[in-house]
C-alpha atoms as a PDB file:
ATOM      1  CA  MET A   1      -7.702  19.828 -19.634  1.00  0.00           C
ATOM      2  CA  ALA A   2      -8.103  17.720 -16.561  1.00  0.00           C
ATOM      3  CA  ILE A   3      -5.699  15.629 -14.415  1.00  0.00           C
ATOM      4  CA  TYR A   4      -4.145  12.322 -14.230  1.00  0.00           C
ATOM      5  CA  LEU A   5      -6.660  11.066 -16.755  1.00  0.00           C
ATOM      6  CA  THR A   6      -7.995  12.127 -20.131  1.00  0.00           C
ATOM      7  CA  LYS A   7      -9.698  11.254 -23.561  1.00  0.00           C
ATOM      8  CA  ASP A   8      -5.503   9.193 -24.317  1.00  0.00           C
ATOM      9  CA  SER A   9      -5.556   7.539 -21.463  1.00  0.00           C
ATOM     10  CA  ARG A  10      -5.396   3.843 -22.421  1.00  0.00           C
ATOM     11  CA  VAL A  11      -7.023   1.426 -19.410  1.00  0.00           C
ATOM     12  CA  LEU A  12      -6.397  -1.798 -18.355  1.00  0.00           C
ATOM     13  CA  VAL A  13      -8.938  -3.680 -16.304  1.00  0.00           C
ATOM     14  CA  GLN A  14      -7.133  -6.131 -13.691  1.00  0.00           C
ATOM     15  CA  GLY A  15      -9.937  -8.360 -12.563  1.00  0.00           C
ATOM     16  CA  MET A  16     -12.175  -7.457 -15.487  1.00  0.00           C
ATOM     17  CA  THR A  17     -13.694 -10.992 -15.884  1.00  0.00           C
ATOM     18  CA  GLY A  18     -15.132 -11.106 -12.850  1.00  0.00           C
ATOM     19  CA  SER A  19     -18.746  -9.666 -12.085  1.00  0.00           C
ATOM     20  CA  GLU A  20     -17.660  -6.182 -10.864  1.00  0.00           C
ATOM     21  CA  GLY A  21     -15.140  -5.892 -13.116  1.00  0.00           C
ATOM     22  CA  MET A  22     -17.350  -6.829 -16.116  1.00  0.00           C
ATOM     23  CA  ARG A  23     -20.164  -4.212 -14.544  1.00  0.00           C
ATOM     24  CA  HIS A  24     -18.138  -1.281 -14.942  1.00  0.00           C
ATOM     25  CA  THR A  25     -15.962  -2.248 -17.567  1.00  0.00           C
ATOM     26  CA  ARG A  26     -19.393  -2.411 -19.550  1.00  0.00           C
ATOM     27  CA  ARG A  27     -19.785   1.214 -17.788  1.00  0.00           C
ATOM     28  CA  MET A  28     -16.628   2.876 -18.753  1.00  0.00           C
ATOM     29  CA  LEU A  29     -16.865   1.711 -22.197  1.00  0.00           C
ATOM     30  CA  ALA A  30     -20.197   3.846 -22.498  1.00  0.00           C
ATOM     31  CA  ALA A  31     -18.453   7.135 -21.057  1.00  0.00           C
ATOM     32  CA  GLY A  32     -16.007   6.551 -23.834  1.00  0.00           C
ATOM     33  CA  THR A  33     -13.103   5.060 -21.888  1.00  0.00           C
ATOM     34  CA  ARG A  34     -10.311   3.761 -24.127  1.00  0.00           C
ATOM     35  CA  ILE A  35     -10.171   0.149 -22.611  1.00  0.00           C
ATOM     36  CA  VAL A  36      -7.474  -1.517 -24.530  1.00  0.00           C
ATOM     37  CA  GLY A  37      -7.604  -5.010 -22.398  1.00  0.00           C
ATOM     38  CA  GLY A  38      -8.878  -6.787 -19.325  1.00  0.00           C
ATOM     39  CA  VAL A  39      -6.095  -8.945 -16.704  1.00  0.00           C
ATOM     40  CA  ASN A  40      -6.716 -12.882 -16.089  1.00  0.00           C
ATOM     41  CA  PRO A  41      -3.634 -15.349 -15.616  1.00  0.00           C
ATOM     42  CA  ARG A  42      -6.689 -18.099 -16.262  1.00  0.00           C
ATOM     43  CA  LYS A  43      -8.134 -16.702 -19.030  1.00  0.00           C
ATOM     44  CA  ALA A  44      -5.219 -14.696 -21.133  1.00  0.00           C
ATOM     45  CA  GLY A  45      -6.059 -14.946 -25.156  1.00  0.00           C
ATOM     46  CA  THR A  46      -9.621 -14.881 -24.913  1.00  0.00           C
ATOM     47  CA  ASP A  47     -11.922 -12.139 -25.624  1.00  0.00           C
ATOM     48  CA  VAL A  48     -14.557 -10.443 -23.716  1.00  0.00           C
ATOM     49  CA  ASP A  49     -17.733  -9.060 -26.354  1.00  0.00           C
ATOM     50  CA  PHE A  50     -19.470  -5.826 -24.641  1.00  0.00           C
ATOM     51  CA  THR A  51     -21.867  -5.630 -27.658  1.00  0.00           C
ATOM     52  CA  ASP A  52     -20.029  -2.874 -29.603  1.00  0.00           C
ATOM     53  CA  ARG A  53     -16.600  -3.589 -28.039  1.00  0.00           C
ATOM     54  CA  VAL A  54     -14.574  -6.790 -27.959  1.00  0.00           C
ATOM     55  CA  VAL A  55     -11.997  -6.213 -25.424  1.00  0.00           C
ATOM     56  CA  PRO A  56      -8.948  -8.900 -25.300  1.00  0.00           C
ATOM     57  CA  VAL A  57      -8.119 -10.306 -22.015  1.00  0.00           C
ATOM     58  CA  PHE A  58      -4.041 -10.676 -21.440  1.00  0.00           C
ATOM     59  CA  GLY A  59      -2.432 -13.039 -18.747  1.00  0.00           C
ATOM     60  CA  SER A  60      -0.169 -10.211 -17.480  1.00  0.00           C
ATOM     61  CA  VAL A  61      -0.316  -6.385 -17.063  1.00  0.00           C
ATOM     62  CA  ARG A  62       3.137  -6.268 -18.972  1.00  0.00           C
ATOM     63  CA  GLU A  63       1.487  -8.174 -21.856  1.00  0.00           C
ATOM     64  CA  GLY A  64      -1.132  -5.689 -22.304  1.00  0.00           C
ATOM     65  CA  ILE A  65       1.446  -2.671 -21.988  1.00  0.00           C
ATOM     66  CA  ASP A  66       3.246  -4.484 -24.725  1.00  0.00           C
ATOM     67  CA  ALA A  67       0.032  -5.282 -26.950  1.00  0.00           C
ATOM     68  CA  ASN A  68      -1.602  -1.911 -26.838  1.00  0.00           C
ATOM     69  CA  GLY A  69      -0.019   0.810 -24.746  1.00  0.00           C
ATOM     70  CA  ALA A  70      -1.871   0.950 -21.822  1.00  0.00           C
ATOM     71  CA  ASP A  71      -0.806   3.835 -19.268  1.00  0.00           C
ATOM     72  CA  VAL A  72      -3.474   3.313 -16.716  1.00  0.00           C
ATOM     73  CA  THR A  73      -5.070   0.080 -14.537  1.00  0.00           C
ATOM     74  CA  VAL A  74      -8.413  -0.249 -12.803  1.00  0.00           C
ATOM     75  CA  VAL A  75      -7.841  -2.642 -10.345  1.00  0.00           C
ATOM     76  CA  PHE A  76     -10.452  -5.259  -9.159  1.00  0.00           C
ATOM     77  CA  VAL A  77      -9.228  -7.803  -7.614  1.00  0.00           C
ATOM     78  CA  PRO A  78     -10.329  -9.014  -4.561  1.00  0.00           C
ATOM     79  CA  PRO A  79      -8.373  -8.408  -1.507  1.00  0.00           C
ATOM     80  CA  PRO A  80      -6.261 -11.058  -0.713  1.00  0.00           C
ATOM     81  CA  PHE A  81      -4.295 -10.353  -4.437  1.00  0.00           C
ATOM     82  CA  ALA A  82      -5.195  -6.538  -4.750  1.00  0.00           C
ATOM     83  CA  LYS A  83      -1.168  -6.191  -3.286  1.00  0.00           C
ATOM     84  CA  ALA A  84       0.088  -8.505  -5.728  1.00  0.00           C
ATOM     85  CA  ALA A  85      -1.660  -7.025  -8.301  1.00  0.00           C
ATOM     86  CA  VAL A  86      -1.249  -3.065  -7.905  1.00  0.00           C
ATOM     87  CA  MET A  87       2.577  -4.289  -7.470  1.00  0.00           C
ATOM     88  CA  GLU A  88       2.870  -6.045 -11.022  1.00  0.00           C
ATOM     89  CA  ALA A  89       1.815  -2.755 -12.540  1.00  0.00           C
ATOM     90  CA  ALA A  90       4.264  -0.878 -10.412  1.00  0.00           C
ATOM     91  CA  ASP A  91       6.794  -3.097 -11.633  1.00  0.00           C
ATOM     92  CA  VAL A  92       6.177  -2.718 -15.388  1.00  0.00           C
ATOM     93  CA  GLY A  93       6.078   1.166 -14.763  1.00  0.00           C
ATOM     94  CA  ILE A  94       2.112   1.636 -15.373  1.00  0.00           C
ATOM     95  CA  PRO A  95       1.665   5.618 -14.542  1.00  0.00           C
ATOM     96  CA  LEU A  96      -1.598   5.366 -12.785  1.00  0.00           C
ATOM     97  CA  ALA A  97      -3.444   2.816 -10.714  1.00  0.00           C
ATOM     98  CA  VAL A  98      -6.808   3.224  -9.789  1.00  0.00           C
ATOM     99  CA  VAL A  99      -7.421   0.844  -6.925  1.00  0.00           C
ATOM    100  CA  ILE A 100     -11.151   0.247  -6.592  1.00  0.00           C
ATOM    101  CA  THR A 101     -11.354  -2.947  -3.988  1.00  0.00           C
ATOM    102  CA  GLU A 102     -12.259  -2.033  -0.985  1.00  0.00           C
ATOM    103  CA  GLY A 103     -11.468  -4.587   2.211  1.00  0.00           C
ATOM    104  CA  ILE A 104      -7.666  -4.465   1.422  1.00  0.00           C
ATOM    105  CA  PRO A 105      -5.714  -5.170   5.060  1.00  0.00           C
ATOM    106  CA  VAL A 106      -3.961  -1.761   6.250  1.00  0.00           C
ATOM    107  CA  HIS A 107      -0.087  -3.486   6.066  1.00  0.00           C
ATOM    108  CA  ASP A 108      -1.073  -4.687   2.462  1.00  0.00           C
ATOM    109  CA  ALA A 109      -2.024  -0.975   1.252  1.00  0.00           C
ATOM    110  CA  VAL A 110       1.107   0.410   3.113  1.00  0.00           C
ATOM    111  CA  ALA A 111       3.252  -1.879   1.438  1.00  0.00           C
ATOM    112  CA  PHE A 112       1.928  -1.779  -2.174  1.00  0.00           C
ATOM    113  CA  GLN A 113       1.878   2.239  -1.607  1.00  0.00           C
ATOM    114  CA  ALA A 114       5.731   2.372  -0.723  1.00  0.00           C
ATOM    115  CA  TYR A 115       6.650  -0.196  -3.720  1.00  0.00           C
ATOM    116  CA  ALA A 116       4.365   1.624  -6.402  1.00  0.00           C
ATOM    117  CA  ALA A 117       5.797   5.430  -5.268  1.00  0.00           C
ATOM    118  CA  ALA A 118       9.195   3.935  -5.210  1.00  0.00           C
ATOM    119  CA  ARG A 119       8.469   3.008  -9.045  1.00  0.00           C
ATOM    120  CA  GLY A 120       6.884   6.127 -10.284  1.00  0.00           C
ATOM    121  CA  THR A 121       3.188   4.689 -10.550  1.00  0.00           C
ATOM    122  CA  ARG A 122       0.575   6.731  -8.858  1.00  0.00           C
ATOM    123  CA  VAL A 123      -1.491   4.859  -6.658  1.00  0.00           C
ATOM    124  CA  ILE A 124      -5.809   6.683  -6.300  1.00  0.00           C
ATOM    125  CA  GLY A 125      -7.811   4.388  -3.590  1.00  0.00           C
ATOM    126  CA  PRO A 126      -7.929   1.791  -2.624  1.00  0.00           C
ATOM    127  CA  ASN A 127     -11.479   1.609  -1.650  1.00  0.00           C
ATOM    128  CA  CYS A 128     -12.340   4.335  -3.954  1.00  0.00           C
ATOM    129  CA  PRO A 129     -15.005   5.220  -7.026  1.00  0.00           C
ATOM    130  CA  GLY A 130     -11.919   6.131  -8.806  1.00  0.00           C
ATOM    131  CA  LEU A 131     -12.231   9.391 -10.992  1.00  0.00           C
ATOM    132  CA  ILE A 132     -13.635  11.067 -14.003  1.00  0.00           C
ATOM    133  CA  SER A 133     -12.488  13.816 -16.464  1.00  0.00           C
ATOM    134  CA  PRO A 134     -16.238  14.293 -18.187  1.00  0.00           C
ATOM    135  CA  GLY A 135     -16.355  14.183 -21.867  1.00  0.00           C
ATOM    136  CA  GLN A 136     -13.102  12.315 -21.968  1.00  0.00           C
ATOM    137  CA  SER A 137     -12.096   9.314 -19.605  1.00  0.00           C
ATOM    138  CA  ASN A 138     -13.807   7.488 -16.817  1.00  0.00           C
ATOM    139  CA  ALA A 139     -11.904   5.148 -14.903  1.00  0.00           C
ATOM    140  CA  GLY A 140     -13.663   3.305 -11.836  1.00  0.00           C
ATOM    141  CA  ILE A 141     -17.149   3.384 -10.880  1.00  0.00           C
ATOM    142  CA  ILE A 142     -18.308   6.996 -10.644  1.00  0.00           C
ATOM    143  CA  PRO A 143     -21.276   7.098 -12.960  1.00  0.00           C
ATOM    144  CA  ALA A 144     -21.130   8.983 -15.948  1.00  0.00           C
ATOM    145  CA  ASP A 145     -24.432  10.530 -16.179  1.00  0.00           C
ATOM    146  CA  ILE A 146     -24.131  12.420 -13.364  1.00  0.00           C
ATOM    147  CA  ALA A 147     -21.460  14.341 -14.805  1.00  0.00           C
ATOM    148  CA  THR A 148     -23.229  15.268 -18.146  1.00  0.00           C
ATOM    149  CA  ARG A 149     -20.154  17.956 -19.833  1.00  0.00           C
ATOM    150  CA  PRO A 150     -17.008  19.073 -19.180  1.00  0.00           C
ATOM    151  CA  GLY A 151     -16.702  22.388 -17.357  1.00  0.00           C
ATOM    152  CA  ARG A 152     -14.599  24.266 -14.906  1.00  0.00           C
ATOM    153  CA  ILE A 153     -14.672  22.613 -11.483  1.00  0.00           C
ATOM    154  CA  GLY A 154     -11.736  20.361  -9.871  1.00  0.00           C
ATOM    155  CA  LEU A 155     -13.389  17.710  -7.369  1.00  0.00           C
ATOM    156  CA  VAL A 156     -11.387  15.937  -4.881  1.00  0.00           C
ATOM    157  CA  SER A 157     -12.740  13.644  -2.415  1.00  0.00           C
ATOM    158  CA  LYS A 158     -12.570  11.168   0.140  1.00  0.00           C
ATOM    159  CA  SER A 159     -16.423   9.715  -0.121  1.00  0.00           C
ATOM    160  CA  GLY A 160     -17.860   7.864  -3.243  1.00  0.00           C
ATOM    161  CA  THR A 161     -21.408   9.138  -2.540  1.00  0.00           C
ATOM    162  CA  LEU A 162     -20.930  12.676  -1.699  1.00  0.00           C
ATOM    163  CA  THR A 163     -18.227  12.912  -4.999  1.00  0.00           C
ATOM    164  CA  TYR A 164     -21.614  11.884  -6.521  1.00  0.00           C
ATOM    165  CA  GLN A 165     -23.734  14.118  -4.864  1.00  0.00           C
ATOM    166  CA  LEU A 166     -21.789  17.091  -5.495  1.00  0.00           C
ATOM    167  CA  MET A 167     -21.279  16.191  -9.225  1.00  0.00           C
ATOM    168  CA  HIS A 168     -25.372  16.056  -9.501  1.00  0.00           C
ATOM    169  CA  GLU A 169     -25.973  19.618  -7.592  1.00  0.00           C
ATOM    170  CA  LEU A 170     -23.014  21.081  -9.919  1.00  0.00           C
ATOM    171  CA  ARG A 171     -23.615  19.274 -13.405  1.00  0.00           C
ATOM    172  CA  ASP A 172     -24.720  22.373 -14.848  1.00  0.00           C
ATOM    173  CA  ILE A 173     -21.387  23.875 -14.344  1.00  0.00           C
ATOM    174  CA  GLY A 174     -19.135  20.653 -14.745  1.00  0.00           C
ATOM    175  CA  PHE A 175     -15.964  19.311 -13.997  1.00  0.00           C
ATOM    176  CA  THR A 176     -12.644  19.342 -15.375  1.00  0.00           C
ATOM    177  CA  THR A 177     -11.569  15.805 -13.243  1.00  0.00           C
ATOM    178  CA  ALA A 178     -13.439  14.436 -10.147  1.00  0.00           C
ATOM    179  CA  VAL A 179     -11.394  12.317  -7.966  1.00  0.00           C
ATOM    180  CA  GLY A 180     -12.666  10.183  -5.256  1.00  0.00           C
ATOM    181  CA  ILE A 181      -9.525   9.287  -3.255  1.00  0.00           C
ATOM    182  CA  GLY A 182     -11.171   7.064  -1.084  1.00  0.00           C
ATOM    183  CA  GLY A 183     -11.155   6.870   2.896  1.00  0.00           C
ATOM    184  CA  ASP A 184      -8.956   4.129   4.024  1.00  0.00           C
ATOM    185  CA  PRO A 185      -6.545   5.203   6.563  1.00  0.00           C
ATOM    186  CA  VAL A 186      -4.263   5.018   4.051  1.00  0.00           C
ATOM    187  CA  VAL A 187      -4.599   6.364   0.346  1.00  0.00           C
ATOM    188  CA  GLY A 188      -1.867   7.100  -2.666  1.00  0.00           C
ATOM    189  CA  THR A 189      -3.147  10.052  -3.689  1.00  0.00           C
ATOM    190  CA  THR A 190      -3.893  13.229  -1.020  1.00  0.00           C
ATOM    191  CA  HIS A 191      -6.045  15.806  -1.191  1.00  0.00           C
ATOM    192  CA  ILE A 192      -2.818  17.775  -1.744  1.00  0.00           C
ATOM    193  CA  ASP A 193      -1.836  15.930  -4.371  1.00  0.00           C
ATOM    194  CA  CYS A 194      -5.025  16.779  -6.212  1.00  0.00           C
ATOM    195  CA  LEU A 195      -5.205  20.731  -5.229  1.00  0.00           C
ATOM    196  CA  THR A 196      -1.671  20.899  -5.968  1.00  0.00           C
ATOM    197  CA  ALA A 197      -2.861  19.317  -9.471  1.00  0.00           C
ATOM    198  CA  PHE A 198      -5.589  21.352 -10.287  1.00  0.00           C
ATOM    199  CA  GLU A 199      -4.064  24.438  -8.844  1.00  0.00           C
ATOM    200  CA  ALA A 200      -1.672  23.892 -12.002  1.00  0.00           C
ATOM    201  CA  ASP A 201      -4.506  22.732 -14.559  1.00  0.00           C
ATOM    202  CA  PRO A 202      -5.103  26.008 -16.261  1.00  0.00           C
ATOM    203  CA  ASP A 203      -9.076  24.983 -16.959  1.00  0.00           C
ATOM    204  CA  THR A 204      -9.769  24.661 -13.446  1.00  0.00           C
ATOM    205  CA  GLU A 205     -11.321  27.643 -12.106  1.00  0.00           C
ATOM    206  CA  LEU A 206     -12.533  26.336  -8.561  1.00  0.00           C
ATOM    207  CA  ILE A 207     -11.512  23.504  -6.511  1.00  0.00           C
ATOM    208  CA  VAL A 208     -14.127  21.559  -4.689  1.00  0.00           C
ATOM    209  CA  LEU A 209     -12.843  19.466  -1.566  1.00  0.00           C
ATOM    210  CA  ILE A 210     -14.821  16.914   0.353  1.00  0.00           C
ATOM    211  CA  GLY A 211     -13.171  15.327   3.311  1.00  0.00           C
ATOM    212  CA  GLU A 212     -14.699  13.198   6.709  1.00  0.00           C
ATOM    213  CA  ILE A 213     -14.252  12.870  10.001  1.00  0.00           C
ATOM    214  CA  GLY A 214     -10.682  10.714  11.188  1.00  0.00           C
ATOM    215  CA  GLY A 215      -7.318  11.486  10.752  1.00  0.00           C
ATOM    216  CA  ASP A 216      -5.716  15.134   9.659  1.00  0.00           C
ATOM    217  CA  ALA A 217      -5.974  14.949   6.144  1.00  0.00           C
ATOM    218  CA  GLU A 218      -7.951  18.054   6.032  1.00  0.00           C
ATOM    219  CA  GLU A 219      -5.875  20.027   8.263  1.00  0.00           C
ATOM    220  CA  ARG A 220      -3.304  19.206   6.349  1.00  0.00           C
ATOM    221  CA  ALA A 221      -4.961  20.527   3.127  1.00  0.00           C
ATOM    222  CA  ALA A 222      -5.517  24.048   4.764  1.00  0.00           C
ATOM    223  CA  ALA A 223      -2.089  24.606   5.420  1.00  0.00           C
ATOM    224  CA  HIS A 224      -1.436  23.569   1.823  1.00  0.00           C
ATOM    225  CA  ILE A 225      -4.126  25.975   0.578  1.00  0.00           C
ATOM    226  CA  THR A 226      -2.698  28.371   3.066  1.00  0.00           C
ATOM    227  CA  ALA A 227       0.730  28.060   1.046  1.00  0.00           C
ATOM    228  CA  HIS A 228       0.319  26.907  -2.439  1.00  0.00           C
ATOM    229  CA  VAL A 229      -3.095  27.407  -3.384  1.00  0.00           C
ATOM    230  CA  THR A 230      -4.288  31.025  -5.345  1.00  0.00           C
ATOM    231  CA  LYS A 231      -7.736  29.330  -6.689  1.00  0.00           C
ATOM    232  CA  PRO A 232     -10.898  29.475  -4.776  1.00  0.00           C
ATOM    233  CA  VAL A 233     -11.667  26.249  -2.703  1.00  0.00           C
ATOM    234  CA  VAL A 234     -14.713  25.338  -1.383  1.00  0.00           C
ATOM    235  CA  ALA A 235     -15.222  22.382   1.296  1.00  0.00           C
ATOM    236  CA  TYR A 236     -17.605  20.064   2.952  1.00  0.00           C
ATOM    237  CA  ILE A 237     -17.024  18.197   6.103  1.00  0.00           C
ATOM    238  CA  ALA A 238     -19.142  14.888   6.365  1.00  0.00           C
ATOM    239  CA  GLY A 239     -19.424  14.028  10.233  1.00  0.00           C
ATOM    240  CA  PHE A 240     -20.900  17.007  12.263  1.00  0.00           C
ATOM    241  CA  THR A 241     -23.148  14.473  14.095  1.00  0.00           C
ATOM    242  CA  ALA A 242     -20.650  11.387  14.097  1.00  0.00           C
ATOM    243  CA  PRO A 243     -20.506   9.931  18.178  1.00  0.00           C
ATOM    244  CA  GLU A 244     -17.001   9.982  19.216  1.00  0.00           C
ATOM    245  CA  GLY A 245     -15.264   7.190  19.456  1.00  0.00           C
ATOM    246  CA  LYS A 246     -17.107   5.107  16.798  1.00  0.00           C
ATOM    247  CA  THR A 247     -15.829   4.564  13.010  1.00  0.00           C
ATOM    248  CA  MET A 248     -18.280   5.584  10.768  1.00  0.00           C
ATOM    249  CA  GLY A 249     -18.617   3.846   7.395  1.00  0.00           C
ATOM    250  CA  HIS A 250     -14.897   4.002   6.112  1.00  0.00           C
ATOM    251  CA  ALA A 251     -12.090   2.596   8.246  1.00  0.00           C
ATOM    252  CA  GLY A 252     -10.338   6.459   8.418  1.00  0.00           C
ATOM    253  CA  ALA A 253     -13.583   8.107   9.702  1.00  0.00           C
ATOM    254  CA  ILE A 254     -12.735   7.709  13.294  1.00  0.00           C
ATOM    255  CA  VAL A 255     -12.627  10.589  15.985  1.00  0.00           C
ATOM    256  CA  SER A 256     -10.752  10.377  19.254  1.00  0.00           C
ATOM    257  CA  GLY A 257     -11.812  13.231  21.674  1.00  0.00           C
ATOM    258  CA  SER A 258     -10.532  16.498  20.033  1.00  0.00           C
ATOM    259  CA  SER A 259      -8.549  14.620  17.369  1.00  0.00           C
ATOM    260  CA  GLY A 260     -10.328  14.555  13.796  1.00  0.00           C
ATOM    261  CA  THR A 261     -13.481  16.043  14.081  1.00  0.00           C
ATOM    262  CA  ALA A 262     -15.449  17.877  11.406  1.00  0.00           C
ATOM    263  CA  GLU A 263     -15.192  21.037  13.763  1.00  0.00           C
ATOM    264  CA  ALA A 264     -11.768  21.210  13.806  1.00  0.00           C
ATOM    265  CA  LYS A 265     -11.438  20.691  10.004  1.00  0.00           C
ATOM    266  CA  LYS A 266     -13.911  23.320   9.093  1.00  0.00           C
ATOM    267  CA  LYS A 267     -12.048  25.765  11.846  1.00  0.00           C
ATOM    268  CA  ALA A 268      -8.778  24.920   9.845  1.00  0.00           C
ATOM    269  CA  LEU A 269      -9.875  24.860   6.217  1.00  0.00           C
ATOM    270  CA  GLU A 270     -11.947  28.324   6.925  1.00  0.00           C
ATOM    271  CA  ALA A 271      -9.025  29.878   8.592  1.00  0.00           C
ATOM    272  CA  ALA A 272      -7.533  29.083   5.116  1.00  0.00           C
ATOM    273  CA  GLY A 273      -9.775  30.941   3.220  1.00  0.00           C
ATOM    274  CA  VAL A 274     -12.078  27.830   2.499  1.00  0.00           C
ATOM    275  CA  ALA A 275     -15.507  28.167   2.103  1.00  0.00           C
ATOM    276  CA  VAL A 276     -17.196  25.346   3.991  1.00  0.00           C
ATOM    277  CA  GLY A 277     -20.606  24.612   3.317  1.00  0.00           C
ATOM    278  CA  SER A 278     -23.093  22.921   6.152  1.00  0.00           C
ATOM    279  CA  THR A 279     -24.853  20.550   3.499  1.00  0.00           C
ATOM    280  CA  PRO A 280     -23.953  19.136   0.410  1.00  0.00           C
ATOM    281  CA  THR A 281     -26.645  21.525  -1.059  1.00  0.00           C
ATOM    282  CA  GLU A 282     -25.285  24.505   0.800  1.00  0.00           C
ATOM    283  CA  THR A 283     -21.481  23.703  -0.640  1.00  0.00           C
ATOM    284  CA  ALA A 284     -22.899  23.457  -4.162  1.00  0.00           C
ATOM    285  CA  ARG A 285     -24.630  27.089  -3.494  1.00  0.00           C
ATOM    286  CA  LEU A 286     -21.299  28.556  -2.137  1.00  0.00           C
ATOM    287  CA  VAL A 287     -19.282  27.560  -5.066  1.00  0.00           C
ATOM    288  CA  LEU A 288     -21.730  28.946  -7.682  1.00  0.00           C
ATOM    289  CA  LYS A 289     -21.498  32.442  -5.260  1.00  0.00           C
ATOM    290  CA  ARG A 290     -17.569  32.128  -5.497  1.00  0.00           C
ATOM    291  CA  LEU A 291     -17.689  31.347  -9.350  1.00  0.00           C
ATOM    292  CA  THR A 292     -20.054  34.563  -9.802  1.00  0.00           C
ATOM    293  CA  ALA A 293     -17.502  36.541  -7.733  1.00  0.00           C
ATOM    294  CA  GLU A 294     -14.790  35.704  -9.465  1.00  0.00           C
ATOM    295  CA  ARG A 295     -16.282  36.407 -12.921  1.00  0.00           C
END
């Protein structure tokens, strides 16, 4: 099994005909994703030939749903138009919108997250790598070849590059789903959402949580783990050496005084029974240790 994305997911790509959309659509197709169309009002009615697959371009998300039953959209639309793109998808009831676009203004993200939630559309992102259920589907920019097979681990991460590294470190065990939720101050799907979904997934035996400095998402995740998660959780927190008051990489990764520090997050997670690695490699070793102990 997997969470949010399966072999049956039918994917539209908003912004498919742009350079990034084209590049990553080709990669998603190579990973086995069922891409049923792209969306670009200016190129509606045309087709894009991806060598072994011709993908139609629709004028709207509604047209894509009506023609091919799409239930996932991946958004590569530039920042000024991303809000409208997500709202369009939510208006027609698409269940999942994966927003890859970075640089979206916070007030736009707040607006489209609330709009989508009110209409039953789950948003992953923005400024995220998307999600992959190895052997089934890949929606976003996660390199499919770093996760060579399905397995027993569920992963939720703020960081795209750390998602890739942990997937590579644990490739011999494999994953049910890996979800990159993004590191912006406002994201649609949280650590807690993924923890809840992985807890309910019978094929996920262990959960890896990757966090980073800034905000209190990891502390809230720790409280949720204490109250609601029975499966083992292993975590890594990026940013132990980050200087105070500096934004580091992600817009949400800023520390003020003792608030949002890596040390505070580590203590909260450890108090919830989570094993926290000091490096990605040590985190992978902790995963192997916990899985062996569970067996």
